[in-house]
Amino acid sequence: MRPFPSPLEHLTAFVIVFAAGVISTASFIGYMERVRRNAVRDYYKRANAERSLSAVQMEQRSIEK
């Protein structure tokens, strides 16, 4: 091994680390988007379920009267 690495070796190492950073950032952004979409979808599912549940309870109360 030479005592001083060549500039091309430094450039290669930089490119590898930079590419890994880009890939990990893109993966993280994609993951966060998926989590956000799932959270919004679950919120609306829960809201609709609560609305339909309250409608059923109101119908049962009106039948009992």
Protein backbone atom coordinates (compact mmCIF):
# COMPACT_ATOMS: atom_id res chain seq x y z
CA MET A 1 0.00 0.00 0.00
CA ARG A 2 1.23 3.44 -0.86
CA PRO A 3 1.80 5.87 2.01
CA PHE A 4 -0.54 8.46 0.47
CA PRO A 5 -3.89 7.49 -1.06
CA SER A 6 -4.61 8.89 -4.48
CA PRO A 7 -7.21 11.62 -5.00
CA LEU A 8 -9.24 9.14 -7.03
CA GLU A 9 -9.58 6.92 -3.96
CA HIS A 10 -10.86 9.89 -1.94
CA LEU A 11 -13.31 10.75 -4.70
CA THR A 12 -14.53 7.16 -4.87
CA ALA A 13 -15.10 7.05 -1.11
CA PHE A 14 -16.95 10.37 -1.26
CA VAL A 15 -19.20 9.15 -4.09
CA ILE A 16 -20.04 5.94 -2.23
CA VAL A 17 -20.94 7.81 0.97
CA PHE A 18 -22.88 10.47 -0.95
CA ALA A 19 -24.90 7.82 -2.82
CA ALA A 20 -25.64 6.01 0.44
CA GLY A 21 -26.87 9.29 1.92
CA VAL A 22 -29.12 10.00 -1.06
CA ILE A 23 -30.59 6.50 -0.95
CA SER A 24 -31.20 6.60 2.80
CA THR A 25 -32.79 10.07 2.57
CA ALA A 26 -35.09 8.99 -0.24
CA SER A 27 -36.04 5.86 1.70
CA PHE A 28 -36.78 7.88 4.83
CA ILE A 29 -38.93 10.37 2.90
CA GLY A 30 -40.86 7.51 1.31
CA TYR A 31 -41.38 5.87 4.69
CA MET A 32 -42.62 9.11 6.25
CA GLU A 33 -45.09 9.61 3.39
CA ARG A 34 -46.42 6.08 3.86
CA VAL A 35 -46.80 6.61 7.61
CA ARG A 36 -48.59 9.92 7.02
CA ARG A 37 -50.99 8.36 4.49
CA ASN A 38 -51.76 5.48 6.86
CA ALA A 39 -52.36 7.89 9.75
CA VAL A 40 -54.78 9.99 7.70
CA ARG A 41 -56.58 6.90 6.41
CA ASP A 42 -56.89 5.44 9.92
CA TYR A 43 -58.16 8.77 11.26
CA TYR A 44 -60.94 8.89 8.68
CA LYS A 45 -61.80 5.22 9.24
CA ARG A 46 -62.08 5.83 12.97
CA ALA A 47 -64.12 9.00 12.48
CA ASN A 48 -66.53 7.21 10.14
CA ALA A 49 -66.84 4.26 12.54
CA GLU A 50 -67.62 6.60 15.44
CA ARG A 51 -70.19 8.46 13.34
CA SER A 52 -71.94 5.25 12.33
CA LEU A 53 -71.78 3.97 15.92
CA SER A 54 -73.37 7.15 17.25
CA ALA A 55 -76.09 6.91 14.57
CA VAL A 56 -76.89 3.35 15.68
CA GLN A 57 -77.06 4.45 19.30
CA MET A 58 -79.41 7.32 18.38
CA GLU A 59 -81.67 4.88 16.50
CA GLN A 60 -81.79 2.54 19.49
CA ARG A 61 -82.74 5.39 21.79
CA SER A 62 -85.53 6.50 19.50
CA ILE A 63 -86.89 2.93 19.34
CA GLU A 64 -86.88 2.63 23.15
CA LYS A 65 -89.01 5.77 23.61
